[in-house]
Each structure stands twice: as structure tokens, then as C-alpha cells.
Amino acid sequence: MILQPVSASFFELPTQELAQALLGMVLVKTTRDGTASGWIVETESYIGPEDRAAHSYGNRRTPRTEVMFGPAGHAYTYEMHTHCLLNVVSGRVNQPEVVLIRAIEPYTGIHLMRERRGPGKTDRELTNGPGKLTKALGITKADYGHPLFEEPLYIASGKHIDSIAIGPRIGIDNSGDAKHYPWRYWEHQNPFVSKPVTNVTEIRYM
């Protein structure tokens, strides 16, 4: 498969739709060491400013969140507990919304992923989490603001997903009612999903 960046218009979908459309697409990063990529198998949407789990809650606009207020399709990277996380900016300009890439299934450059993640990891353990996948692909905070329809960090057309599972997001216990919103999406029964599935709200067949 030839990995070509999607067009900028791909990212203009409403955020919840984009979070699902990203499943099955390929996340690609090229560095001086080579190219690594993986099928996107899990995402979460964050709908500011009403979403208490979103960094843009209350229209919070800071140097860190500034890119969220710009056009869709750009990278919002930030560090959490020393790990870099990758989000796709979505929504309209001045409508600060993002989709977090939570897990990918390794596709190309697996040898690079192993070098970056260290010895003793199974293929699943290389990328089954938002901080794991960025380290495996070589994505860093320096990628902040990069258009995800251009090399060296981009999203490419992928494969059809037969079914999508939907449920509450993970790791946002201090966000009030927002922790219950069913805004986590993943490829149903894919073994590379980040956490064991215990609370499926819906299974959607495509």
C-alpha cells in the first residue's frame, strides 16, 4: 500500500464523525531514522468549551491550547506524565475541539518501534496507548501545529472497519459528568486497543 496523505478537507467533518472516520486510517511519521506507521484503532473526542475533560473547557485559550482554535487537521501535541500525546484538531476555527489518537496497530517500521520502546515488548505493547504510540513513531512536542495532511507526520488513507465500539473515555475521573460521555471509539475486537473493554455503550456496524 502506498501511503499518501489525505486531503485537508478530510478533517472538516464534525468532531464525533471525524473520531470514527479516523479508525482504519494510517498514522505515519518519518524521521531521519526512517518511516514508521500504524493503523488507527482507537480514538477519543474532546468537545470544548462545554466538555470539562477538554483542555479548552470554558474557552480556555493559552499558548498550549492555541492550535485548537485554528483550522482542523493540525497536530495538538502535549506532554502528560513525561509522555507526549497526539491530538487531531477538529471543528471550525475558534471552535476548539480535538480527537485524541489512543492506540494504533503497527504496520510499517516495526523495527524502529522496537528500538524506541525498548526490549521485551510484544507487538501489541508497542502502541496500545497514546503515550506508547507517539514514542514508537517518534512523535514529539516539536510536532505541535504540524498539518496532518503533509509529510513528515501525516494521516493516510487506510482500510474499511467492519464495526466500531463506542463507550466512555478513559482516565478523566476528575471531569464530572463528562467522564460518562460515550466519546471513545475503537475498532471492535481489535487486540491493539489500549484498555480492556468493560463498558461498551454501542456497537456500530459499518
Protein backbone atom coordinates (compact mmCIF):
# COMPACT_ATOMS: atom_id res chain seq x y z
CA MET A 1 0.00 0.00 0.00
CA ILE A 2 1.31 3.45 -0.95
CA LEU A 3 0.85 5.80 1.99
CA GLN A 4 -0.30 9.17 0.70
CA PRO A 5 -1.53 11.98 2.97
CA VAL A 6 -5.27 12.58 2.98
CA SER A 7 -6.51 15.96 1.80
CA ALA A 8 -7.02 18.82 4.23
CA SER A 9 -10.78 18.59 3.62
CA PHE A 10 -10.88 15.14 5.26
CA PHE A 11 -10.56 16.80 8.66
CA GLU A 12 -13.56 19.10 8.17
CA LEU A 13 -16.03 16.51 9.46
CA PRO A 14 -17.84 17.22 12.75
CA THR A 15 -15.63 16.05 15.60
CA GLN A 16 -17.61 12.94 16.56
CA GLU A 17 -17.72 11.84 12.93
CA LEU A 18 -14.01 12.52 12.46
CA ALA A 19 -13.16 10.43 15.54
CA GLN A 20 -14.87 7.47 13.87
CA ALA A 21 -13.60 8.20 10.36
CA LEU A 22 -10.02 8.10 11.65
CA LEU A 23 -10.40 4.44 12.60
CA GLY A 24 -8.68 2.33 9.97
CA MET A 25 -6.63 5.25 8.66
CA VAL A 26 -2.83 5.08 8.87
CA LEU A 27 -0.77 7.37 11.10
CA VAL A 28 2.67 7.93 9.57
CA LYS A 29 5.84 9.60 10.87
CA THR A 30 9.15 9.90 9.02
CA THR A 31 12.33 10.80 10.87
CA ARG A 32 15.98 10.63 9.87
CA ASP A 33 15.91 7.00 11.10
CA GLY A 34 13.17 6.02 8.67
CA THR A 35 9.38 5.76 8.47
CA ALA A 36 7.05 4.02 10.92
CA SER A 37 3.28 3.78 10.72
CA GLY A 38 0.24 2.10 12.19
CA TRP A 39 -3.48 1.62 11.61
CA ILE A 40 -5.52 3.84 13.95
CA VAL A 41 -7.69 1.55 16.09
CA GLU A 42 -8.86 3.82 18.93
CA THR A 43 -9.76 7.49 19.34
CA GLU A 44 -11.46 9.84 21.79
CA SER A 45 -13.20 13.12 21.04
CA TYR A 46 -12.98 16.25 23.21
CA ILE A 47 -15.62 18.89 22.61
CA GLY A 48 -14.69 22.21 24.21
CA PRO A 49 -15.64 24.56 25.67
CA GLU A 50 -18.54 22.71 27.38
CA ASP A 51 -16.57 19.48 27.85
CA ARG A 52 -14.95 19.54 31.30
CA ALA A 53 -12.42 16.92 30.17
CA ALA A 54 -11.17 19.15 27.33
CA HIS A 55 -8.16 21.44 27.70
CA SER A 56 -10.28 24.13 26.07
CA TYR A 57 -13.07 23.85 28.66
CA GLY A 58 -14.57 27.28 29.25
CA ASN A 59 -12.88 28.54 26.06
CA ARG A 60 -9.54 28.38 27.86
CA ARG A 61 -7.05 29.88 25.42
CA THR A 62 -3.38 29.58 26.35
CA PRO A 63 -0.12 29.10 24.42
CA ARG A 64 -0.65 25.35 24.84
CA THR A 65 -4.22 25.30 23.52
CA GLU A 66 -3.80 27.97 20.83
CA VAL A 67 -3.63 25.49 17.95
CA MET A 68 -7.05 24.13 18.97
CA PHE A 69 -8.62 27.44 17.95
CA GLY A 70 -7.20 27.22 14.43
CA PRO A 71 -8.20 25.18 11.38
CA ALA A 72 -8.86 21.46 11.56
CA GLY A 73 -6.26 18.90 10.60
CA HIS A 74 -3.32 20.17 12.63
CA ALA A 75 -1.46 18.37 15.41
CA TYR A 76 -2.08 19.26 19.03
CA THR A 77 0.75 17.62 20.98
CA TYR A 78 1.33 17.98 24.69
CA GLU A 79 3.07 16.12 27.49
CA MET A 80 1.35 14.24 30.29
CA HIS A 81 3.44 12.41 32.90
CA THR A 82 6.51 12.76 30.62
CA HIS A 83 4.63 11.15 27.71
CA CYS A 84 3.73 13.02 24.53
CA LEU A 85 0.13 12.68 23.33
CA LEU A 86 -1.13 13.38 19.81
CA ASN A 87 -4.48 15.01 19.08
CA VAL A 88 -6.03 15.97 15.76
CA VAL A 89 -7.54 19.46 15.78
CA SER A 90 -11.15 19.31 14.60
CA GLY A 91 -14.18 21.57 14.42
CA ARG A 92 -14.32 25.03 12.90
CA VAL A 93 -11.93 27.92 13.53
CA ASN A 94 -12.46 29.26 17.06
CA GLN A 95 -14.36 26.08 17.93
CA PRO A 96 -11.65 24.33 19.99
CA GLU A 97 -12.21 20.59 19.60
CA VAL A 98 -9.80 17.68 19.12
CA VAL A 99 -9.61 13.94 18.62
CA LEU A 100 -7.04 12.05 20.70
CA ILE A 101 -5.29 9.15 18.98
CA ARG A 102 -5.35 6.49 21.71
CA ALA A 103 -3.94 3.39 20.00
CA ILE A 104 -2.62 2.09 16.70
CA GLU A 105 -1.84 -1.33 15.25
CA PRO A 106 1.78 -1.44 13.99
CA TYR A 107 2.04 -1.50 10.21
CA THR A 108 5.46 -0.43 8.90
CA GLY A 109 8.78 0.32 10.59
CA ILE A 110 8.18 -2.10 13.44
CA HIS A 111 11.96 -2.44 13.94
CA LEU A 112 12.10 1.30 14.67
CA MET A 113 9.24 0.95 17.14
CA ARG A 114 11.10 -1.80 18.98
CA GLU A 115 14.25 0.31 19.20
CA ARG A 116 12.33 3.27 20.60
CA ARG A 117 10.15 1.32 23.02
CA GLY A 118 12.88 -0.93 24.37
CA PRO A 119 13.30 -4.72 24.58
CA GLY A 120 10.77 -7.28 25.69
CA LYS A 121 7.65 -5.67 24.21
CA THR A 122 5.08 -7.66 22.27
CA ASP A 123 3.73 -6.10 19.07
CA ARG A 124 0.59 -5.14 20.99
CA GLU A 125 2.56 -3.43 23.75
CA LEU A 126 4.44 -1.22 21.29
CA THR A 127 1.49 1.07 20.54
CA ASN A 128 -1.52 0.21 22.73
CA GLY A 129 -1.70 3.60 24.43
CA PRO A 130 -1.47 7.28 23.49
CA GLY A 131 1.98 7.77 25.03
CA LYS A 132 3.29 4.46 23.71
CA LEU A 133 2.33 5.12 20.10
CA THR A 134 3.98 8.55 19.99
CA LYS A 135 7.22 7.15 21.35
CA ALA A 136 7.08 4.23 18.92
CA LEU A 137 6.57 6.54 15.94
CA GLY A 138 8.96 9.28 17.08
CA ILE A 139 6.23 11.91 17.55
CA THR A 140 7.23 14.71 19.94
CA LYS A 141 6.03 18.09 21.19
CA ALA A 142 8.04 19.58 18.31
CA ASP A 143 5.25 18.31 16.02
CA TYR A 144 2.82 20.79 17.62
CA GLY A 145 0.83 22.61 14.95
CA HIS A 146 2.03 20.43 12.06
CA PRO A 147 -0.61 19.93 9.32
CA LEU A 148 -1.50 16.26 9.36
CA PHE A 149 -2.05 16.25 5.61
CA GLU A 150 1.65 16.90 4.91
CA GLU A 151 4.85 14.93 5.49
CA PRO A 152 6.68 14.03 7.68
CA LEU A 153 3.78 13.46 10.12
CA TYR A 154 0.51 12.69 8.42
CA ILE A 155 -2.58 10.55 8.17
CA ALA A 156 -3.01 8.35 5.12
CA SER A 157 -5.98 6.54 3.66
CA GLY A 158 -6.38 3.11 5.19
CA LYS A 159 -8.82 0.23 5.30
CA HIS A 160 -12.52 -0.28 5.93
CA ILE A 161 -13.58 -1.02 9.50
CA ASP A 162 -16.46 -3.50 9.78
CA SER A 163 -17.64 -2.46 13.24
CA ILE A 164 -16.95 0.30 15.75
CA ALA A 165 -17.44 0.02 19.50
CA ILE A 166 -18.42 3.11 21.49
CA GLY A 167 -18.06 3.82 25.19
CA PRO A 168 -16.91 6.34 27.85
CA ARG A 169 -13.48 7.91 27.66
CA ILE A 170 -10.58 6.78 29.87
CA GLY A 171 -8.54 8.49 32.58
CA ILE A 172 -10.71 11.56 33.14
CA ASP A 173 -12.21 10.78 36.54
CA ASN A 174 -12.00 14.42 37.71
CA SER A 175 -14.18 15.79 34.92
CA GLY A 176 -17.63 15.48 36.49
CA ASP A 177 -20.40 14.17 34.25
CA ALA A 178 -18.05 14.40 31.27
CA LYS A 179 -16.37 11.16 32.36
CA HIS A 180 -19.55 9.33 31.37
CA TYR A 181 -19.86 10.74 27.85
CA PRO A 182 -19.63 7.90 25.27
CA TRP A 183 -16.98 9.64 23.19
CA ARG A 184 -14.42 6.85 22.95
CA TYR A 185 -14.37 4.92 19.67
CA TRP A 186 -12.43 1.79 18.77
CA GLU A 187 -12.31 -0.96 16.21
CA HIS A 188 -14.48 -3.68 17.71
CA GLN A 189 -12.44 -6.70 18.87
CA ASN A 190 -9.12 -5.28 17.73
CA PRO A 191 -6.42 -6.60 20.13
CA PHE A 192 -4.35 -3.40 19.90
CA VAL A 193 -6.89 -1.26 21.77
CA SER A 194 -5.35 0.46 24.80
CA LYS A 195 -7.52 -0.85 27.65
CA PRO A 196 -9.69 -3.91 28.24
CA VAL A 197 -13.24 -3.13 27.18
CA THR A 198 -15.69 -3.30 30.09
CA ASN A 199 -18.40 -0.77 29.31
CA VAL A 200 -19.50 -0.78 25.69
CA THR A 201 -22.35 1.64 25.05
CA GLU A 202 -22.96 0.65 21.43
CA ILE A 203 -21.52 -1.43 18.61
CA ARG A 204 -21.99 0.21 15.23
CA TYR A 205 -21.69 -1.90 12.06
CA MET A 206 -20.30 -0.03 9.07
